[in-house]
C-alpha atoms as a PDB file:
ATOM      1  CA  MET A   1    -156.980 125.882  17.743  1.00  0.00           C
ATOM      2  CA  GLY A   2    -157.685 122.349  18.414  1.00  0.00           C
ATOM      3  CA  LEU A   3    -157.285 119.282  16.642  1.00  0.00           C
ATOM      4  CA  HIS A   4    -158.447 118.360  13.596  1.00  0.00           C
ATOM      5  CA  HIS A   5    -159.383 114.740  11.761  1.00  0.00           C
ATOM      6  CA  TYR A   6    -158.059 113.469   8.016  1.00  0.00           C
ATOM      7  CA  HIS A   7    -160.314 110.459   6.614  1.00  0.00           C
ATOM      8  CA  ILE A   8    -159.612 108.857   3.463  1.00  0.00           C
ATOM      9  CA  LYS A   9    -160.086 105.355   2.416  1.00  0.00           C
ATOM     10  CA  THR A  10    -157.723 103.693  -0.164  1.00  0.00           C
ATOM     11  CA  THR A  11    -158.741 101.120  -2.159  1.00  0.00           C
ATOM     12  CA  TRP A  12    -156.667  98.370  -4.103  1.00  0.00           C
ATOM     13  CA  THR A  13    -158.294  97.977  -7.941  1.00  0.00           C
ATOM     14  CA  GLY A  14    -154.486  95.867  -9.194  1.00  0.00           C
ATOM     15  CA  ASN A  15    -155.624  92.368  -8.249  1.00  0.00           C
ATOM     16  CA  ARG A  16    -155.567  90.569 -11.325  1.00  0.00           C
ATOM     17  CA  GLY A  17    -157.505  87.215 -10.729  1.00  0.00           C
ATOM     18  CA  GLN A  18    -154.414  86.243  -8.858  1.00  0.00           C
ATOM     19  CA  GLY A  19    -154.105  88.088  -5.560  1.00  0.00           C
ATOM     20  CA  THR A  20    -150.184  89.022  -4.721  1.00  0.00           C
ATOM     21  CA  SER A  21    -149.118  85.235  -5.741  1.00  0.00           C
ATOM     22  CA  ASP A  22    -145.762  86.535  -6.824  1.00  0.00           C
ATOM     23  CA  TYR A  23    -144.056  90.242  -6.836  1.00  0.00           C
ATOM     24  CA  LYS A  24    -145.145  90.308 -11.160  1.00  0.00           C
ATOM     25  CA  SER A  25    -148.986  89.360 -10.363  1.00  0.00           C
ATOM     26  CA  TYR A  26    -150.627  92.548  -9.764  1.00  0.00           C
ATOM     27  CA  ASP A  27    -151.210  95.447 -10.288  1.00  0.00           C
ATOM     28  CA  ARG A  28    -150.525  98.931  -7.860  1.00  0.00           C
ATOM     29  CA  SER A  29    -153.416 100.372  -8.899  1.00  0.00           C
ATOM     30  CA  HIS A  30    -155.790 102.123  -6.427  1.00  0.00           C
ATOM     31  CA  VAL A  31    -158.468 104.823  -5.593  1.00  0.00           C
ATOM     32  CA  ILE A  32    -158.044 107.225  -2.594  1.00  0.00           C
ATOM     33  CA  SER A  33    -161.848 108.265  -1.640  1.00  0.00           C
ATOM     34  CA  ILE A  34    -162.361 111.560   0.229  1.00  0.00           C
ATOM     35  CA  SER A  35    -166.377 111.559   0.897  1.00  0.00           C
ATOM     36  CA  GLY A  36    -167.573 114.260  -0.933  1.00  0.00           C
ATOM     37  CA  LYS A  37    -164.297 114.933  -3.370  1.00  0.00           C
ATOM     38  CA  PRO A  38    -163.490 113.065  -6.608  1.00  0.00           C
ATOM     39  CA  ASP A  39    -161.576 110.293  -6.424  1.00  0.00           C
ATOM     40  CA  ILE A  40    -158.244 109.935  -6.770  1.00  0.00           C
ATOM     41  CA  GLN A  41    -156.766 107.540  -9.772  1.00  0.00           C
ATOM     42  CA  GLY A  42    -153.819 105.756  -8.278  1.00  0.00           C
ATOM     43  CA  SER A  43    -150.492 103.817  -8.894  1.00  0.00           C
ATOM     44  CA  SER A  44    -147.004 103.440  -7.821  1.00  0.00           C
ATOM     45  CA  ASP A  45    -144.251 104.554  -9.488  1.00  0.00           C
ATOM     46  CA  ALA A  46    -143.193 102.964 -12.643  1.00  0.00           C
ATOM     47  CA  ALA A  47    -139.992 102.697 -11.573  1.00  0.00           C
ATOM     48  CA  PHE A  48    -141.894 100.584  -9.320  1.00  0.00           C
ATOM     49  CA  ARG A  49    -143.843  98.306 -11.857  1.00  0.00           C
ATOM     50  CA  GLY A  50    -145.910 101.234 -11.454  1.00  0.00           C
ATOM     51  CA  ASP A  51    -148.707 102.584 -14.392  1.00  0.00           C
ATOM     52  CA  LYS A  52    -147.454 105.574 -15.139  1.00  0.00           C
ATOM     53  CA  THR A  53    -150.425 107.321 -16.226  1.00  0.00           C
ATOM     54  CA  LYS A  54    -151.739 107.519 -12.903  1.00  0.00           C
ATOM     55  CA  HIS A  55    -150.995 109.883  -9.548  1.00  0.00           C
ATOM     56  CA  THR A  56    -148.016 108.249  -7.073  1.00  0.00           C
ATOM     57  CA  PRO A  57    -147.928 109.120  -3.587  1.00  0.00           C
ATOM     58  CA  GLU A  58    -144.480 110.719  -4.295  1.00  0.00           C
ATOM     59  CA  ASP A  59    -146.241 112.453  -6.854  1.00  0.00           C
ATOM     60  CA  LEU A  60    -148.861 113.617  -3.761  1.00  0.00           C
ATOM     61  CA  PHE A  61    -145.816 114.397  -0.699  1.00  0.00           C
ATOM     62  CA  VAL A  62    -144.171 116.885  -3.688  1.00  0.00           C
ATOM     63  CA  SER A  63    -147.107 118.475  -4.311  1.00  0.00           C
ATOM     64  CA  THR A  64    -148.875 118.742  -0.773  1.00  0.00           C
ATOM     65  CA  LEU A  65    -145.368 120.496   0.575  1.00  0.00           C
ATOM     66  CA  SER A  66    -145.858 122.952  -2.616  1.00  0.00           C
ATOM     67  CA  THR A  67    -149.667 123.529  -2.437  1.00  0.00           C
ATOM     68  CA  CYS A  68    -149.537 124.260   1.752  1.00  0.00           C
ATOM     69  CA  HIS A  69    -146.537 126.024   1.196  1.00  0.00           C
ATOM     70  CA  MET A  70    -148.702 128.566  -1.658  1.00  0.00           C
ATOM     71  CA  LEU A  71    -151.543 128.673   0.713  1.00  0.00           C
ATOM     72  CA  TRP A  72    -149.565 130.238   3.327  1.00  0.00           C
ATOM     73  CA  TYR A  73    -147.202 132.423   0.976  1.00  0.00           C
ATOM     74  CA  LEU A  74    -151.380 133.443  -0.344  1.00  0.00           C
ATOM     75  CA  HIS A  75    -152.730 134.349   3.112  1.00  0.00           C
ATOM     76  CA  LEU A  76    -149.306 136.210   4.156  1.00  0.00           C
ATOM     77  CA  CYS A  77    -149.374 138.083   1.096  1.00  0.00           C
ATOM     78  CA  ALA A  78    -153.305 139.358   1.612  1.00  0.00           C
ATOM     79  CA  VAL A  79    -152.991 140.644   4.965  1.00  0.00           C
ATOM     80  CA  ASN A  80    -149.060 141.987   4.232  1.00  0.00           C
ATOM     81  CA  ASP A  81    -150.779 143.707   1.373  1.00  0.00           C
ATOM     82  CA  VAL A  82    -149.521 141.889  -1.255  1.00  0.00           C
ATOM     83  CA  VAL A  83    -151.280 141.317  -4.394  1.00  0.00           C
ATOM     84  CA  VAL A  84    -150.062 138.484  -5.931  1.00  0.00           C
ATOM     85  CA  THR A  85    -152.221 138.093  -9.567  1.00  0.00           C
ATOM     86  CA  ASN A  86    -150.786 134.694 -10.142  1.00  0.00           C
ATOM     87  CA  TYR A  87    -148.596 131.510  -8.969  1.00  0.00           C
ATOM     88  CA  ILE A  88    -146.835 128.964 -10.383  1.00  0.00           C
ATOM     89  CA  ASP A  89    -144.608 126.639  -7.954  1.00  0.00           C
ATOM     90  CA  GLU A  90    -142.996 123.848 -10.101  1.00  0.00           C
ATOM     91  CA  ALA A  91    -141.833 121.801  -7.268  1.00  0.00           C
ATOM     92  CA  THR A  92    -138.914 119.183  -7.814  1.00  0.00           C
ATOM     93  CA  GLY A  93    -138.798 116.069  -5.162  1.00  0.00           C
ATOM     94  CA  ILE A  94    -134.892 113.887  -4.583  1.00  0.00           C
ATOM     95  CA  LEU A  95    -136.278 110.161  -3.260  1.00  0.00           C
ATOM     96  CA  GLN A  96    -133.127 108.267  -1.687  1.00  0.00           C
ATOM     97  CA  GLU A  97    -133.901 104.791  -2.230  1.00  0.00           C
ATOM     98  CA  SER A  98    -131.615 102.685  -0.413  1.00  0.00           C
ATOM     99  CA  GLN A  99    -130.689  99.191  -0.680  1.00  0.00           C
ATOM    100  CA  ASN A 100    -133.271  97.200   0.687  1.00  0.00           C
ATOM    101  CA  GLY A 101    -135.842  98.914  -1.533  1.00  0.00           C
ATOM    102  CA  SER A 102    -136.908 100.811   1.281  1.00  0.00           C
ATOM    103  CA  GLY A 103    -136.348 105.136   0.689  1.00  0.00           C
ATOM    104  CA  GLN A 104    -136.755 108.446   1.819  1.00  0.00           C
ATOM    105  CA  PHE A 105    -137.090 112.016   0.623  1.00  0.00           C
ATOM    106  CA  ALA A 106    -133.838 113.545   0.933  1.00  0.00           C
ATOM    107  CA  GLU A 107    -135.348 117.303  -0.281  1.00  0.00           C
ATOM    108  CA  ILE A 108    -137.993 119.220  -1.675  1.00  0.00           C
ATOM    109  CA  THR A 109    -137.557 122.702  -3.307  1.00  0.00           C
ATOM    110  CA  LEU A 110    -140.286 124.900  -4.703  1.00  0.00           C
ATOM    111  CA  ASN A 111    -139.859 127.250  -7.400  1.00  0.00           C
ATOM    112  CA  PRO A 112    -142.563 129.536  -7.023  1.00  0.00           C
ATOM    113  CA  ILE A 113    -142.753 132.398  -9.755  1.00  0.00           C
ATOM    114  CA  VAL A 114    -145.184 134.871  -7.969  1.00  0.00           C
ATOM    115  CA  THR A 115    -146.517 137.904  -9.923  1.00  0.00           C
ATOM    116  CA  VAL A 116    -147.531 140.825  -8.115  1.00  0.00           C
ATOM    117  CA  ALA A 117    -148.915 143.697  -9.077  1.00  0.00           C
ATOM    118  CA  ASP A 118    -146.678 146.253  -8.395  1.00  0.00           C
ATOM    119  CA  LYS A 119    -142.636 146.407  -8.855  1.00  0.00           C
ATOM    120  CA  THR A 120    -142.374 147.716  -4.780  1.00  0.00           C
ATOM    121  CA  MET A 121    -143.884 144.656  -3.553  1.00  0.00           C
ATOM    122  CA  ILE A 122    -141.475 142.987  -5.051  1.00  0.00           C
ATOM    123  CA  ASP A 123    -138.950 142.010  -2.151  1.00  0.00           C
ATOM    124  CA  LYS A 124    -141.655 141.687  -0.132  1.00  0.00           C
ATOM    125  CA  ALA A 125    -142.967 139.186  -1.986  1.00  0.00           C
ATOM    126  CA  ASN A 126    -139.947 137.295  -1.832  1.00  0.00           C
ATOM    127  CA  ALA A 127    -139.699 137.186   1.824  1.00  0.00           C
ATOM    128  CA  LEU A 128    -142.895 136.122   2.510  1.00  0.00           C
ATOM    129  CA  HIS A 129    -141.822 132.592   1.493  1.00  0.00           C
ATOM    130  CA  HIS A 130    -139.591 132.514   5.119  1.00  0.00           C
ATOM    131  CA  ASP A 131    -143.235 133.270   6.990  1.00  0.00           C
ATOM    132  CA  ALA A 132    -145.133 130.337   4.385  1.00  0.00           C
ATOM    133  CA  HIS A 133    -142.585 127.243   4.908  1.00  0.00           C
ATOM    134  CA  LYS A 134    -142.677 128.495   9.115  1.00  0.00           C
ATOM    135  CA  MET A 135    -145.827 128.393   9.492  1.00  0.00           C
ATOM    136  CA  CYS A 136    -146.986 125.401   6.490  1.00  0.00           C
ATOM    137  CA  PHE A 137    -148.425 122.291   7.926  1.00  0.00           C
ATOM    138  CA  ILE A 138    -146.728 119.731   6.047  1.00  0.00           C
ATOM    139  CA  ALA A 139    -143.413 121.340   5.867  1.00  0.00           C
ATOM    140  CA  ASN A 140    -143.466 121.372   9.553  1.00  0.00           C
ATOM    141  CA  SER A 141    -143.600 117.602   9.641  1.00  0.00           C
ATOM    142  CA  VAL A 142    -141.341 116.705   7.819  1.00  0.00           C
ATOM    143  CA  ASN A 143    -137.548 115.746   8.571  1.00  0.00           C
ATOM    144  CA  PHE A 144    -135.520 116.678   5.601  1.00  0.00           C
ATOM    145  CA  PRO A 145    -135.113 119.972   3.698  1.00  0.00           C
ATOM    146  CA  VAL A 146    -137.565 121.415   2.019  1.00  0.00           C
ATOM    147  CA  VAL A 147    -135.613 124.742   0.101  1.00  0.00           C
ATOM    148  CA  HIS A 148    -137.235 127.382  -1.857  1.00  0.00           C
ATOM    149  CA  LYS A 149    -136.078 129.098  -5.165  1.00  0.00           C
ATOM    150  CA  PRO A 150    -139.136 131.416  -4.909  1.00  0.00           C
ATOM    151  CA  LEU A 151    -139.293 134.790  -8.044  1.00  0.00           C
ATOM    152  CA  ALA A 152    -141.156 137.482  -8.214  1.00  0.00           C
ATOM    153  CA  VAL A 153    -141.982 139.995 -10.867  1.00  0.00           C
ATOM    154  CA  THR A 154    -144.530 142.147 -11.749  1.00  0.00           C
ATOM    155  CA  LEU A 155    -146.924 141.026 -14.968  1.00  0.00           C
ATOM    156  CA  GLN A 156    -144.812 143.869 -17.284  1.00  0.00           C
ATOM    157  CA  GLN A 157    -142.076 141.229 -16.457  1.00  0.00           C
ATOM    158  CA  ALA A 158    -143.536 138.255 -16.373  1.00  0.00           C
ATOM    159  CA  VAL A 159    -144.745 139.349 -20.708  1.00  0.00           C
END
């Protein structure tokens, strides 16, 4: 128990020589740096004049919820004798844009497909998603619904 501190550096790299002299004069590119880790190349969403080949804050936000849930879920499976051999989540997020250009996430849906070692583990594997949601630091920090649509299968069912 205690406080944990996280430090990142965000550097705007999109000055085309005119700075922000007008809305179309600058690129939205930036670099997210964390000591000892690879840099993340970012931009705004293409809908907001960004580079569609780079990570967006919205992409990273949805992926943060997905990975936090996954890590708690794997932990809970390990301590509850549910052997997970594969985990894939194709998470989706809905962002509502306001008339003034601001916005907020209205919902994120996690769609984990979990492969377990034995069919006797399927019910417990599905139930543990509820507990993982209650434990996830990120899910506990948001003010909108995080929906779960899990599916647990065995290796024989996954093939």
